[in-house]
């Protein structure tokens, strides 16, 4: 029975803020805007933080977890005001202390403010300044200390516009959530889980740490492979296809294990797998030396697709698919099995997809609903081993390791705090919490279903490149194309294609003739792609790097991006004499991993 509408989770918005700086890390002007519309322009960081502390409550900044919030934290650090800081990767998602809570709206709306502002019916303002640095910075290079008053007023007006756009966006998202029966938390993944849990009635995950770790071994991400690194002239032209909402589609159609689980030893697990019992199994499997091996394999912190004799942990569905295309199970070591399975998310995902179609797949609401549905799979795989940061804690709260067993002088395994900076003002605090959403076995089955769907088309289409839910090919089209949920949708055509490594590629668009560069973590010009290197000023350092540097929490970062060069290895594959890449064995991958991990002097061999 559905709970009352008032049981939905909602976000609190007491104010928003935005800053602009000189040279990334020198504060120039900031703006605070309350939920009641009171707007104040601040010309010092201390004045802005004073206003936020005076009012208290929940404040939001867009992409502030990598920028604006770090400035606020630096001011609070200098004043000795304690903060509890939650992070996701290098981003601060929330900080709390002194009656003030700051959240990064990007964690809830993961798109640029210029795109997100469409939710609130606003256009993100432009800075109106010319770029003189030659890097298409949008005019930020024209901001300097001592600039004329009319220019300073323009910068302040720009910040006011950003604040107005953000607060309208957050309000409109809240209204949209009310109208569409969606829960909102501080993150899009948390919002997706809260909504699914309430509407479907999903039970909380209750695994022990050892059970979770065992199941987690079968969870792998998407395949990203360079099959043909250089195709200077595609004849006929190639096409890029994506599976429309791949993970939500798999979530809606995959039979997921339900009810209690049972651990099985070698003999019982062998019998269970042979009888088709749904589960997660540790096996040794003989994988043919095909161009597109089917089974993922973990090495270090990464994932590969080797051939030969492979030992690993996989879902029963991925093992069954591998057997159907010629793989042979040599041995089964153990298994975790369930007596029943069911399609659980079909109606929920179908309802979301209908809403996306109704609003328009390419509209801002359609894009947000896509991200909302996609984020649930990652939330299901949330780790129970976590850390948060404590800044300026009470000395009595700090827990240090005394190196008593099982800890040693060189290795700590207790809940001791780790000092991050040089002066003991920032600490990393470990904690264990099994998230209610941590049904990691479901995430394993969902990602396996997507890899299976992708694999069949990669083989049939003789792909040039792929990434998670995509296929770049000049040899035909996937069997089922369209723009429906889980169908292969044609995104563009390409005349040339070049990849220097997984997630680093460039192509010539068939319609426009434009040379488009897609390089993860870097924004590269054509010249930079051609030379294979670029110097990028990446704003300010992440909070941990900044704390370790000893230069404050808001300090400028300089990073050199170097593209991988064309060479013998392309991810987990080796380049052949015919210009194509081919899979290698587990042993070769282990040896390469050991060489690369043994020291900087070994890298590249």
Protein backbone atom coordinates (compact mmCIF):
# COMPACT_ATOMS: atom_id res chain seq x y z
CA UNK A 1 0.00 0.00 0.00
CA UNK A 2 1.46 3.37 -1.03
CA UNK A 3 2.28 5.77 1.74
CA UNK A 4 0.80 9.24 1.86
CA UNK A 5 2.31 11.81 -0.44
CA UNK A 6 3.60 13.75 2.57
CA UNK A 7 5.99 10.88 3.35
CA UNK A 8 8.15 11.82 0.37
CA UNK A 9 11.58 13.22 1.09
CA UNK A 10 12.03 16.86 0.15
CA UNK A 11 14.98 19.23 -0.01
CA UNK A 12 15.34 22.34 2.13
CA UNK A 13 16.47 25.57 0.47
CA UNK A 14 17.36 28.48 2.76
CA UNK A 15 19.71 30.19 0.34
CA UNK A 16 22.18 29.90 -2.53
CA UNK A 17 25.59 31.45 -3.11
CA UNK A 18 28.15 32.02 -5.85
CA UNK A 19 31.64 33.51 -6.06
CA UNK A 20 34.04 34.80 -8.70
CA UNK A 21 37.79 34.95 -8.25
CA UNK A 22 40.92 36.38 -9.79
CA UNK A 23 43.23 33.67 -11.10
CA UNK A 24 40.97 30.94 -9.67
CA UNK A 25 41.92 31.27 -5.99
CA UNK A 26 41.83 35.01 -5.10
CA UNK A 27 38.32 36.02 -3.97
CA UNK A 28 36.91 39.02 -5.83
CA UNK A 29 33.16 39.07 -5.28
CA UNK A 30 30.47 36.78 -3.86
CA UNK A 31 26.70 36.84 -3.73
CA UNK A 32 24.25 35.33 -1.25
CA UNK A 33 20.56 35.02 -2.05
CA UNK A 34 18.03 33.82 0.51
CA UNK A 35 14.90 31.82 -0.23
CA UNK A 36 12.97 35.04 0.38
CA UNK A 37 14.90 36.79 -2.39
CA UNK A 38 17.19 38.98 -0.24
CA UNK A 39 20.37 39.43 -2.26
CA UNK A 40 23.67 40.76 -0.94
CA UNK A 41 26.90 41.38 -2.87
CA UNK A 42 30.02 40.71 -0.78
CA UNK A 43 33.48 42.04 -1.54
CA UNK A 44 35.32 39.89 1.01
CA UNK A 45 35.04 36.19 1.68
CA UNK A 46 34.68 36.81 5.42
CA UNK A 47 31.64 39.05 4.88
CA UNK A 48 29.98 36.37 2.76
CA UNK A 49 30.64 33.61 5.30
CA UNK A 50 29.45 35.89 8.14
CA UNK A 51 26.13 36.31 6.33
CA UNK A 52 25.75 32.57 5.81
CA UNK A 53 26.62 31.78 9.44
CA UNK A 54 24.26 34.48 10.72
CA UNK A 55 21.33 33.07 8.79
CA UNK A 56 22.28 29.39 9.15
CA UNK A 57 20.20 26.66 7.53
CA UNK A 58 20.74 24.86 4.23
CA UNK A 59 22.68 26.66 1.49
CA UNK A 60 23.32 25.43 -2.04
CA UNK A 61 25.94 26.20 -4.65
CA UNK A 62 26.18 24.64 -8.10
CA UNK A 63 29.35 22.61 -8.58
CA UNK A 64 30.36 24.20 -5.30
CA UNK A 65 31.80 20.92 -4.02
CA UNK A 66 34.78 21.48 -6.29
CA UNK A 67 35.04 25.23 -5.88
CA UNK A 68 32.82 27.63 -3.91
CA UNK A 69 32.38 25.41 -0.85
CA UNK A 70 36.17 25.03 -0.55
CA UNK A 71 36.47 28.79 -0.14
CA UNK A 72 33.84 28.76 2.63
CA UNK A 73 35.64 25.87 4.33
CA UNK A 74 38.93 27.74 4.19
CA UNK A 75 37.36 30.72 6.00
CA UNK A 76 35.81 28.38 8.59
CA UNK A 77 39.15 26.60 9.04
CA UNK A 78 40.94 29.85 9.79
CA UNK A 79 38.30 30.60 12.40
CA UNK A 80 38.50 27.12 13.95
CA UNK A 81 34.82 26.32 13.31
CA UNK A 82 34.34 22.56 13.31
CA UNK A 83 32.83 20.91 10.21
CA UNK A 84 31.78 17.39 9.25
CA UNK A 85 32.44 16.98 5.53
CA UNK A 86 30.96 14.32 3.24
CA UNK A 87 32.69 13.66 -0.06
CA UNK A 88 32.09 11.63 -3.21
CA UNK A 89 35.30 11.02 -5.11
CA UNK A 90 36.97 14.47 -5.17
CA UNK A 91 33.73 16.41 -4.65
CA UNK A 92 32.41 17.80 -1.35
CA UNK A 93 28.74 16.88 -1.39
CA UNK A 94 27.81 18.27 2.02
CA UNK A 95 29.42 20.05 4.94
CA UNK A 96 27.80 20.68 8.32
CA UNK A 97 28.80 22.71 11.35
CA UNK A 98 28.19 25.98 13.15
CA UNK A 99 24.48 25.79 12.38
CA UNK A 100 25.26 25.83 8.66
CA UNK A 101 24.76 23.09 6.05
CA UNK A 102 26.18 23.55 2.56
CA UNK A 103 25.24 21.23 -0.31
CA UNK A 104 26.41 20.91 -3.90
CA UNK A 105 23.40 21.04 -6.20
CA UNK A 106 25.47 19.32 -8.91
CA UNK A 107 25.15 16.09 -6.90
CA UNK A 108 21.38 16.38 -7.35
CA UNK A 109 21.37 17.96 -10.83
CA UNK A 110 24.52 16.59 -12.53
CA UNK A 111 24.68 18.98 -15.46
CA UNK A 112 26.17 22.41 -16.04
CA UNK A 113 24.21 25.37 -14.68
CA UNK A 114 23.68 26.68 -18.20
CA UNK A 115 21.72 23.47 -18.95
CA UNK A 116 20.15 23.07 -15.49
CA UNK A 117 18.86 26.65 -15.54
CA UNK A 118 16.32 25.64 -18.19
CA UNK A 119 14.43 23.91 -15.39
CA UNK A 120 13.70 27.25 -13.80
CA UNK A 121 13.02 29.00 -17.09
CA UNK A 122 16.21 31.05 -16.73
CA UNK A 123 19.18 31.60 -19.01
CA UNK A 124 22.55 31.47 -17.31
CA UNK A 125 24.05 34.95 -17.79
CA UNK A 126 27.23 35.51 -19.76
CA UNK A 127 30.24 37.37 -18.38
CA UNK A 128 30.24 39.89 -21.27
CA UNK A 129 34.06 40.10 -21.29
CA UNK A 130 36.31 39.21 -24.19
CA UNK A 131 38.79 36.34 -23.94
CA UNK A 132 42.41 37.39 -24.39
CA UNK A 133 44.20 34.21 -23.31
CA UNK A 134 43.42 32.21 -26.46
CA UNK A 135 41.89 29.27 -24.57
CA UNK A 136 38.21 30.20 -25.07
CA UNK A 137 37.81 30.79 -21.32
CA UNK A 138 34.62 32.82 -21.74
CA UNK A 139 36.21 36.06 -20.57
CA UNK A 140 37.40 34.98 -17.12
CA UNK A 141 40.95 36.01 -18.02
CA UNK A 142 39.68 39.63 -18.08
CA UNK A 143 38.90 39.57 -14.35
CA UNK A 144 41.62 41.21 -12.28
CA UNK A 145 42.13 42.94 -8.95
CA UNK A 146 41.62 46.70 -9.28
CA UNK A 147 39.41 46.42 -12.35
CA UNK A 148 37.18 49.47 -13.06
CA UNK A 149 34.00 49.76 -11.02
CA UNK A 150 31.72 49.17 -14.01
CA UNK A 151 33.53 45.89 -14.73
CA UNK A 152 33.34 44.82 -11.08
CA UNK A 153 29.61 45.56 -11.11
CA UNK A 154 29.28 43.32 -14.16
CA UNK A 155 30.98 40.48 -12.32
CA UNK A 156 28.65 40.98 -9.36
CA UNK A 157 25.65 41.04 -11.70
CA UNK A 158 26.90 37.80 -13.24
CA UNK A 159 26.98 36.15 -9.78
CA UNK A 160 23.50 37.47 -9.00
CA UNK A 161 22.26 35.94 -12.25
CA UNK A 162 23.82 32.58 -11.35
CA UNK A 163 22.18 32.65 -7.91
CA UNK A 164 18.81 33.58 -9.38
CA UNK A 165 19.07 30.77 -11.93
CA UNK A 166 20.04 28.23 -9.26
CA UNK A 167 17.34 29.05 -6.74
CA UNK A 168 14.66 28.97 -9.46
CA UNK A 169 16.06 25.67 -10.69
CA UNK A 170 15.93 24.08 -7.24
CA UNK A 171 12.39 25.34 -6.65
CA UNK A 172 11.21 24.09 -10.02
CA UNK A 173 12.81 20.71 -9.39
CA UNK A 174 10.96 20.54 -6.07
CA UNK A 175 7.69 21.31 -7.84
CA UNK A 176 8.50 18.73 -10.52
CA UNK A 177 9.17 16.13 -7.81
CA UNK A 178 5.81 16.94 -6.17
CA UNK A 179 3.97 16.57 -9.46
CA UNK A 180 5.69 13.30 -10.36
CA UNK A 181 5.76 11.58 -6.95
CA UNK A 182 9.58 11.74 -6.67
CA UNK A 183 11.60 11.90 -3.46
CA UNK A 184 14.48 14.38 -3.33
CA UNK A 185 17.56 13.99 -1.16
CA UNK A 186 20.95 15.66 -1.46
CA UNK A 187 22.06 13.44 -4.36
CA UNK A 188 20.39 12.08 -7.47
CA UNK A 189 21.32 8.49 -6.55
CA UNK A 190 19.84 8.87 -3.08
CA UNK A 191 16.72 10.42 -4.57
CA UNK A 192 16.32 7.55 -7.04
CA UNK A 193 16.70 4.93 -4.30
CA UNK A 194 14.33 6.71 -1.89
CA UNK A 195 11.66 6.94 -4.58
CA UNK A 196 12.01 3.31 -5.67
CA UNK A 197 12.05 2.04 -2.09
CA UNK A 198 8.88 3.93 -1.17
CA UNK A 199 6.88 3.19 -4.29
CA UNK A 200 7.89 -0.46 -4.80
CA UNK A 201 8.36 -1.43 -1.16
CA UNK A 202 11.94 -2.71 -1.47
CA UNK A 203 13.43 -4.15 1.74
CA UNK A 204 16.67 -2.73 3.13
CA UNK A 205 19.91 -4.59 2.48
CA UNK A 206 21.03 -6.46 5.61
CA UNK A 207 24.23 -8.20 4.51
CA UNK A 208 27.21 -8.70 6.80
CA UNK A 209 30.48 -7.23 5.57
CA UNK A 210 31.81 -10.65 4.51
CA UNK A 211 28.60 -11.48 2.62
CA UNK A 212 28.64 -8.14 0.85
CA UNK A 213 32.30 -8.53 -0.14
CA UNK A 214 31.62 -11.98 -1.60
CA UNK A 215 28.69 -10.75 -3.68
CA UNK A 216 30.56 -7.60 -4.73
CA UNK A 217 33.09 -9.71 -6.66
CA UNK A 218 30.49 -10.31 -9.38
CA UNK A 219 29.83 -6.60 -9.91
CA UNK A 220 31.70 -5.15 -12.88
CA UNK A 221 31.26 -1.95 -14.82
CA UNK A 222 30.84 -1.40 -18.54
CA UNK A 223 33.12 -2.56 -21.32
CA UNK A 224 35.33 0.11 -22.91
CA UNK A 225 37.44 -1.30 -25.72
CA UNK A 226 39.46 0.04 -28.66
CA UNK A 227 39.12 -2.52 -31.47
CA UNK A 228 40.44 -0.43 -34.37
CA UNK A 229 42.60 2.49 -33.12
CA UNK A 230 43.02 4.33 -36.41
CA UNK A 231 40.52 4.53 -39.24
CA UNK A 232 41.54 7.61 -41.24
CA UNK A 233 38.87 7.09 -43.89
CA UNK A 234 35.69 5.15 -43.15
CA UNK A 235 34.24 3.71 -46.38
CA UNK A 236 31.35 3.45 -46.00
CA UNK A 237 30.87 5.97 -43.22
CA UNK A 238 30.64 4.55 -39.71
CA UNK A 239 27.83 5.02 -37.20
CA UNK A 240 27.70 5.52 -33.46
CA UNK A 241 24.89 3.65 -31.69
CA UNK A 242 23.88 3.80 -28.02
CA UNK A 243 21.50 1.60 -26.05
CA UNK A 244 18.73 3.95 -24.99
CA UNK A 245 18.79 4.10 -21.15
CA UNK A 246 20.87 0.92 -21.01
CA UNK A 247 21.03 0.29 -17.26
CA UNK A 248 17.40 1.29 -16.59
CA UNK A 249 16.36 -0.98 -19.46
CA UNK A 250 18.28 -3.88 -17.93
CA UNK A 251 16.88 -3.03 -14.52
CA UNK A 252 13.36 -3.19 -15.96
CA UNK A 253 13.80 -6.52 -17.76
CA UNK A 254 16.27 -8.56 -15.68
CA UNK A 255 15.14 -11.28 -13.31
CA UNK A 256 16.75 -10.39 -9.98
CA UNK A 257 17.41 -12.86 -7.12
CA UNK A 258 14.77 -12.59 -4.41
CA UNK A 259 14.40 -13.84 -0.85
CA UNK A 260 17.05 -15.49 1.35
CA UNK A 261 20.40 -16.53 -0.08
CA UNK A 262 22.40 -19.67 0.59
CA UNK A 263 26.13 -20.28 0.38
CA UNK A 264 27.18 -23.45 -1.42
CA UNK A 265 30.50 -25.28 -1.49
CA UNK A 266 32.19 -26.80 -4.51
CA UNK A 267 29.96 -29.85 -5.03
CA UNK A 268 26.63 -28.19 -4.28
CA UNK A 269 27.55 -25.09 -6.30
CA UNK A 270 28.51 -27.25 -9.30
CA UNK A 271 25.14 -28.96 -9.20
CA UNK A 272 23.29 -25.66 -8.71
CA UNK A 273 24.98 -24.03 -11.71
CA UNK A 274 24.32 -27.08 -13.88
CA UNK A 275 20.62 -27.00 -12.94
CA UNK A 276 20.32 -23.30 -13.81
CA UNK A 277 19.85 -22.06 -10.23
CA UNK A 278 20.09 -18.28 -10.13
CA UNK A 279 23.14 -17.14 -8.22
CA UNK A 280 26.68 -15.82 -8.14
CA UNK A 281 29.43 -18.38 -8.77
CA UNK A 282 33.19 -18.58 -8.52
CA UNK A 283 34.44 -20.54 -11.52
CA UNK A 284 37.37 -21.34 -13.76
CA UNK A 285 36.27 -20.93 -17.37
CA UNK A 286 38.05 -21.56 -20.66
CA UNK A 287 37.47 -18.50 -22.91
CA UNK A 288 38.19 -18.89 -26.66
CA UNK A 289 40.59 -16.45 -28.28
CA UNK A 290 37.82 -14.58 -30.08
CA UNK A 291 38.20 -10.90 -30.90
CA UNK A 292 35.56 -9.98 -28.31
CA UNK A 293 35.88 -12.18 -25.18
CA UNK A 294 32.63 -12.29 -23.22
CA UNK A 295 33.65 -12.42 -19.55
CA UNK A 296 34.97 -9.49 -17.47
CA UNK A 297 37.87 -10.15 -15.12
CA UNK A 298 39.15 -8.02 -12.25
CA UNK A 299 42.81 -7.03 -12.05
CA UNK A 300 44.04 -4.43 -9.58
CA UNK A 301 41.31 -1.81 -9.41
CA UNK A 302 40.42 -2.24 -13.07
CA UNK A 303 38.60 -4.66 -15.33
CA UNK A 304 39.71 -6.59 -18.40
CA UNK A 305 38.32 -9.08 -20.92
CA UNK A 306 41.03 -11.73 -21.37
CA UNK A 307 41.02 -15.01 -23.27
CA UNK A 308 42.38 -18.39 -22.21
CA UNK A 309 41.81 -19.92 -18.78
CA UNK A 310 40.09 -17.33 -16.56
CA UNK A 311 39.17 -17.69 -12.87
CA UNK A 312 36.68 -15.22 -11.45
CA UNK A 313 33.23 -14.58 -10.00
CA UNK A 314 30.22 -13.96 -12.21
CA UNK A 315 26.43 -14.04 -12.20
CA UNK A 316 24.67 -17.17 -13.44
CA UNK A 317 23.26 -15.21 -16.40
CA UNK A 318 26.68 -14.08 -17.62
CA UNK A 319 28.10 -17.59 -17.23
CA UNK A 320 25.18 -19.05 -19.18
CA UNK A 321 25.67 -16.52 -21.98
CA UNK A 322 29.41 -17.26 -22.10
CA UNK A 323 28.68 -20.98 -22.44
CA UNK A 324 26.22 -20.29 -25.25
CA UNK A 325 28.96 -18.68 -27.36
CA UNK A 326 31.64 -21.32 -26.81
CA UNK A 327 33.14 -20.79 -23.36
CA UNK A 328 33.58 -23.92 -21.19
CA UNK A 329 33.28 -24.11 -17.40
CA UNK A 330 36.24 -26.19 -16.19
CA UNK A 331 35.52 -25.93 -12.48
CA UNK A 332 33.12 -24.37 -9.97
CA UNK A 333 34.61 -23.35 -6.62
CA UNK A 334 31.68 -21.92 -4.63
CA UNK A 335 28.36 -20.23 -5.10
CA UNK A 336 25.75 -18.00 -3.46
CA UNK A 337 22.29 -19.01 -4.66
CA UNK A 338 18.66 -17.97 -4.37
CA UNK A 339 15.55 -20.10 -4.74
CA UNK A 340 13.55 -17.48 -6.61
CA UNK A 341 13.90 -14.48 -8.88
CA UNK A 342 11.59 -11.84 -10.28
CA UNK A 343 11.49 -8.76 -12.49
CA UNK A 344 11.12 -6.04 -9.86
CA UNK A 345 11.60 -2.63 -11.49
CA UNK A 346 9.69 -2.99 -14.77
CA UNK A 347 6.67 -0.85 -13.89
CA UNK A 348 8.76 1.74 -12.05
CA UNK A 349 11.27 2.17 -14.89
CA UNK A 350 8.50 2.07 -17.49
CA UNK A 351 6.68 4.88 -15.70
CA UNK A 352 9.83 7.00 -15.59
CA UNK A 353 10.51 6.39 -19.27
CA UNK A 354 6.96 7.39 -20.20
CA UNK A 355 7.46 10.64 -18.29
CA UNK A 356 10.75 11.20 -20.10
CA UNK A 357 9.11 10.69 -23.50
CA UNK A 358 6.24 13.00 -22.51
CA UNK A 359 8.62 15.80 -21.55
CA UNK A 360 10.91 15.11 -24.52
CA UNK A 361 14.05 12.94 -24.33
CA UNK A 362 16.28 15.90 -25.20
CA UNK A 363 14.51 18.41 -22.94
CA UNK A 364 16.12 19.34 -19.63
CA UNK A 365 13.49 17.29 -17.76
CA UNK A 366 14.04 14.35 -20.08
CA UNK A 367 17.79 14.51 -19.45
CA UNK A 368 17.32 14.74 -15.68
CA UNK A 369 14.93 11.78 -15.65
CA UNK A 370 17.50 9.78 -17.63
CA UNK A 371 20.17 10.55 -15.03
CA UNK A 372 17.68 9.85 -12.24
CA UNK A 373 16.93 6.35 -13.58
CA UNK A 374 20.58 5.63 -14.43
CA UNK A 375 21.82 6.50 -10.95
CA UNK A 376 19.90 3.72 -9.21
CA UNK A 377 22.24 0.96 -10.42
CA UNK A 378 25.25 2.71 -8.88
CA UNK A 379 23.32 3.29 -5.67
CA UNK A 380 22.61 -0.45 -5.43
CA UNK A 381 26.38 -1.05 -5.44
CA UNK A 382 27.14 1.53 -2.73
CA UNK A 383 30.08 0.48 -0.54
CA UNK A 384 29.65 0.09 3.24
CA UNK A 385 33.26 1.12 3.93
CA UNK A 386 33.29 4.90 3.94
CA UNK A 387 35.12 7.96 5.19
CA UNK A 388 34.18 11.50 5.95
CA UNK A 389 36.36 14.47 6.86
CA UNK A 390 36.36 16.31 10.16
CA UNK A 391 37.77 19.82 10.18
CA UNK A 392 38.86 21.50 13.43
CA UNK A 393 37.42 18.72 15.64
CA UNK A 394 37.42 18.75 19.42
CA UNK A 395 40.68 17.14 20.48
CA UNK A 396 38.77 14.78 22.77
CA UNK A 397 36.99 13.30 19.71
CA UNK A 398 40.15 12.30 17.86
CA UNK A 399 40.82 8.54 17.90
CA UNK A 400 44.41 7.48 17.24
CA UNK A 401 45.80 4.01 16.57
CA UNK A 402 48.04 2.60 19.33
CA UNK A 403 49.40 -0.15 17.04
CA UNK A 404 48.10 -2.92 19.28
CA UNK A 405 47.04 -6.19 17.56
CA UNK A 406 45.68 -6.69 14.99
CA UNK A 407 47.14 -3.27 14.02
CA UNK A 408 50.89 -2.88 13.51
CA UNK A 409 53.23 0.08 13.30
CA UNK A 410 52.95 -0.02 9.50
CA UNK A 411 49.34 -1.12 9.05
CA UNK A 412 46.18 0.02 10.83
CA UNK A 413 42.88 -1.85 10.55
CA UNK A 414 40.92 -0.23 13.39
CA UNK A 415 38.68 2.84 13.33
CA UNK A 416 41.54 5.25 13.99
CA UNK A 417 41.43 8.70 12.42
CA UNK A 418 43.99 9.64 9.78
CA UNK A 419 45.56 13.09 9.86
CA UNK A 420 45.27 14.66 6.40
CA UNK A 421 47.06 17.99 6.80
CA UNK A 422 50.27 19.01 8.59
CA UNK A 423 48.68 20.78 11.55
CA UNK A 424 45.94 18.39 12.62
CA UNK A 425 43.06 20.58 11.46
CA UNK A 426 41.69 18.13 8.86
CA UNK A 427 41.15 14.44 9.64
CA UNK A 428 39.84 11.49 7.66
CA UNK A 429 37.40 9.44 9.72
CA UNK A 430 36.55 5.84 8.70
CA UNK A 431 33.16 4.33 9.38
CA UNK A 432 31.19 1.30 8.35
CA UNK A 433 27.56 1.61 7.36
CA UNK A 434 25.66 -0.84 5.23
CA UNK A 435 23.42 1.36 3.12
CA UNK A 436 19.78 0.26 2.87
CA UNK A 437 20.28 0.39 -0.90
CA UNK A 438 23.31 -1.94 -0.96
CA UNK A 439 21.73 -4.80 -2.94
CA UNK A 440 25.01 -5.24 -4.79
CA UNK A 441 23.91 -8.59 -6.27
CA UNK A 442 21.13 -6.77 -8.14
CA UNK A 443 23.66 -4.30 -9.53
CA UNK A 444 25.80 -7.26 -10.65
CA UNK A 445 22.89 -8.83 -12.57
CA UNK A 446 21.88 -5.50 -14.15
CA UNK A 447 25.36 -4.59 -15.44
CA UNK A 448 25.84 -8.18 -16.65
CA UNK A 449 22.63 -7.94 -18.71
CA UNK A 450 23.89 -4.74 -20.36
CA UNK A 451 27.26 -6.29 -21.20
CA UNK A 452 25.49 -9.30 -22.72
CA UNK A 453 23.30 -7.09 -24.93
CA UNK A 454 26.31 -5.03 -26.01
CA UNK A 455 28.54 -8.05 -26.68
CA UNK A 456 26.18 -9.60 -29.21
CA UNK A 457 26.21 -6.43 -31.33
CA UNK A 458 29.96 -5.83 -31.00
CA UNK A 459 30.55 -9.24 -32.55
CA UNK A 460 27.88 -8.86 -35.24
CA UNK A 461 28.93 -5.33 -36.25
CA UNK A 462 32.73 -5.77 -36.09
CA UNK A 463 33.01 -2.60 -33.97
CA UNK A 464 35.75 0.03 -34.09
CA UNK A 465 35.19 1.11 -30.48
CA UNK A 466 32.76 0.68 -27.58
CA UNK A 467 32.09 2.18 -24.16
CA UNK A 468 29.55 0.73 -21.65
CA UNK A 469 26.41 1.04 -23.80
CA UNK A 470 27.80 2.19 -27.14
CA UNK A 471 29.00 0.69 -30.41
CA UNK A 472 31.03 2.55 -33.06
CA UNK A 473 31.00 0.57 -36.29
CA UNK A 474 31.32 0.89 -40.07
CA UNK A 475 29.95 -2.60 -40.66
CA UNK A 476 26.18 -2.44 -40.50
CA UNK A 477 23.77 -1.68 -37.68
CA UNK A 478 22.52 -3.50 -34.57
CA UNK A 479 19.63 -5.88 -35.14
CA UNK A 480 17.05 -3.79 -33.27
CA UNK A 481 17.27 -0.04 -33.67
CA UNK A 482 14.94 2.70 -32.46
CA UNK A 483 14.59 5.16 -29.63
CA UNK A 484 12.57 3.01 -27.26
CA UNK A 485 13.77 1.85 -23.85
CA UNK A 486 16.69 -0.55 -24.33
CA UNK A 487 16.81 -0.17 -28.13
CA UNK A 488 19.94 0.73 -30.10
CA UNK A 489 19.65 4.37 -31.18
CA UNK A 490 21.83 5.92 -33.90
CA UNK A 491 23.55 9.01 -32.49
CA UNK A 492 25.71 10.17 -35.39
CA UNK A 493 27.77 9.13 -38.39
CA UNK A 494 31.55 9.49 -38.68
CA UNK A 495 33.96 9.77 -41.61
CA UNK A 496 37.20 9.20 -39.68
CA UNK A 497 37.93 7.72 -36.27
CA UNK A 498 41.02 7.70 -34.06
CA UNK A 499 41.53 6.44 -30.51
CA UNK A 500 44.74 6.64 -28.51
CA UNK A 501 43.30 4.75 -25.51
CA UNK A 502 39.95 3.76 -23.99
CA UNK A 503 37.86 6.91 -23.39
CA UNK A 504 40.23 9.02 -25.51
CA UNK A 505 39.02 9.29 -29.11
CA UNK A 506 38.25 11.75 -31.90
CA UNK A 507 36.10 11.54 -35.02
CA UNK A 508 34.96 13.58 -38.01
CA UNK A 509 31.20 14.13 -37.96
CA UNK A 510 29.52 12.89 -41.13
CA UNK A 511 27.01 15.76 -41.39
CA UNK A 512 29.01 18.78 -40.25
CA UNK A 513 32.55 17.71 -41.11
CA UNK A 514 33.58 18.89 -37.63
CA UNK A 515 36.51 17.15 -35.93
CA UNK A 516 35.18 16.26 -32.46
CA UNK A 517 37.45 15.27 -29.57
CA UNK A 518 36.22 13.22 -26.61
CA UNK A 519 38.93 12.79 -23.98
CA UNK A 520 37.97 11.86 -20.43
CA UNK A 521 39.21 14.41 -17.90
CA UNK A 522 40.58 16.88 -20.46
CA UNK A 523 39.32 19.63 -22.75
CA UNK A 524 41.52 19.52 -25.81
CA UNK A 525 41.85 21.63 -28.94
CA UNK A 526 42.65 20.03 -32.30
CA UNK A 527 46.27 21.18 -31.95
CA UNK A 528 46.50 19.68 -28.48
CA UNK A 529 45.05 16.39 -29.72
CA UNK A 530 47.52 16.35 -32.61
CA UNK A 531 50.56 17.01 -30.42
CA UNK A 532 49.27 14.64 -27.74
CA UNK A 533 49.68 16.94 -24.77
CA UNK A 534 48.08 19.95 -23.15
CA UNK A 535 48.47 22.11 -20.07
CA UNK A 536 45.13 22.73 -18.39
CA UNK A 537 44.50 25.03 -15.44
CA UNK A 538 41.94 23.02 -13.52
CA UNK A 539 40.72 25.59 -11.00
CA UNK A 540 41.42 24.70 -7.38
CA UNK A 541 42.67 21.50 -5.79
CA UNK A 542 40.35 18.89 -4.36
CA UNK A 543 39.86 19.23 -0.61
CA UNK A 544 42.19 16.36 0.30
CA UNK A 545 44.98 17.50 -2.04
CA UNK A 546 44.58 21.06 -0.81
CA UNK A 547 44.74 20.00 2.84
CA UNK A 548 47.88 17.95 2.23
CA UNK A 549 49.55 20.82 0.38
CA UNK A 550 49.55 23.01 3.47
CA UNK A 551 48.44 26.05 1.45
CA UNK A 552 44.86 26.16 2.65
CA UNK A 553 41.70 24.49 1.38
CA UNK A 554 41.20 26.96 -1.48
CA UNK A 555 44.42 26.93 -3.47
CA UNK A 556 45.10 26.97 -7.17
CA UNK A 557 45.69 23.73 -9.04
CA UNK A 558 47.86 23.29 -12.12
CA UNK A 559 47.73 19.97 -13.89
CA UNK A 560 49.40 18.72 -17.04
CA UNK A 561 47.27 16.46 -19.18
CA UNK A 562 49.18 14.07 -21.39
CA UNK A 563 47.27 11.93 -23.85
CA UNK A 564 48.35 8.30 -24.12
CA UNK A 565 50.39 7.68 -27.24
CA UNK A 566 49.61 5.18 -29.96
CA UNK A 567 51.48 2.07 -28.92
CA UNK A 568 51.49 -1.66 -28.39
CA UNK A 569 48.77 -1.72 -25.69
CA UNK A 570 45.25 -0.34 -25.85
CA UNK A 571 43.82 -0.88 -22.39
CA UNK A 572 43.71 -4.67 -21.94
CA UNK A 573 44.44 -5.47 -25.60
CA UNK A 574 47.53 -5.63 -27.80
CA UNK A 575 47.85 -3.99 -31.23
CA UNK A 576 48.38 -6.38 -34.13
CA UNK A 577 50.29 -5.81 -37.37
CA UNK A 578 47.00 -5.36 -39.23
CA UNK A 579 46.07 -2.24 -37.23
CA UNK A 580 43.52 -4.02 -35.04
CA UNK A 581 43.76 -4.91 -31.38
CA UNK A 582 43.45 -8.43 -29.99
CA UNK A 583 42.76 -9.85 -26.51
CA UNK A 584 45.50 -11.41 -24.41
CA UNK A 585 45.59 -13.99 -21.61
CA UNK A 586 45.23 -13.42 -17.87
CA UNK A 587 48.91 -14.25 -17.40
CA UNK A 588 50.00 -11.53 -19.84
CA UNK A 589 47.74 -9.01 -18.12
CA UNK A 590 49.12 -9.97 -14.69
CA UNK A 591 52.71 -9.57 -15.86
CA UNK A 592 51.95 -6.18 -17.39
CA UNK A 593 50.11 -5.08 -14.25
CA UNK A 594 53.08 -6.11 -12.07
CA UNK A 595 55.52 -4.21 -14.28
CA UNK A 596 53.38 -1.06 -14.23
CA UNK A 597 52.90 -1.31 -10.45
CA UNK A 598 56.54 -1.94 -9.55
CA UNK A 599 57.64 1.67 -10.00
CA UNK A 600 57.71 4.69 -12.33
CA UNK A 601 60.86 3.41 -14.00
CA UNK A 602 58.96 0.36 -15.24
CA UNK A 603 55.97 2.13 -16.75
CA UNK A 604 55.58 1.93 -20.48
CA UNK A 605 57.65 -1.23 -20.90
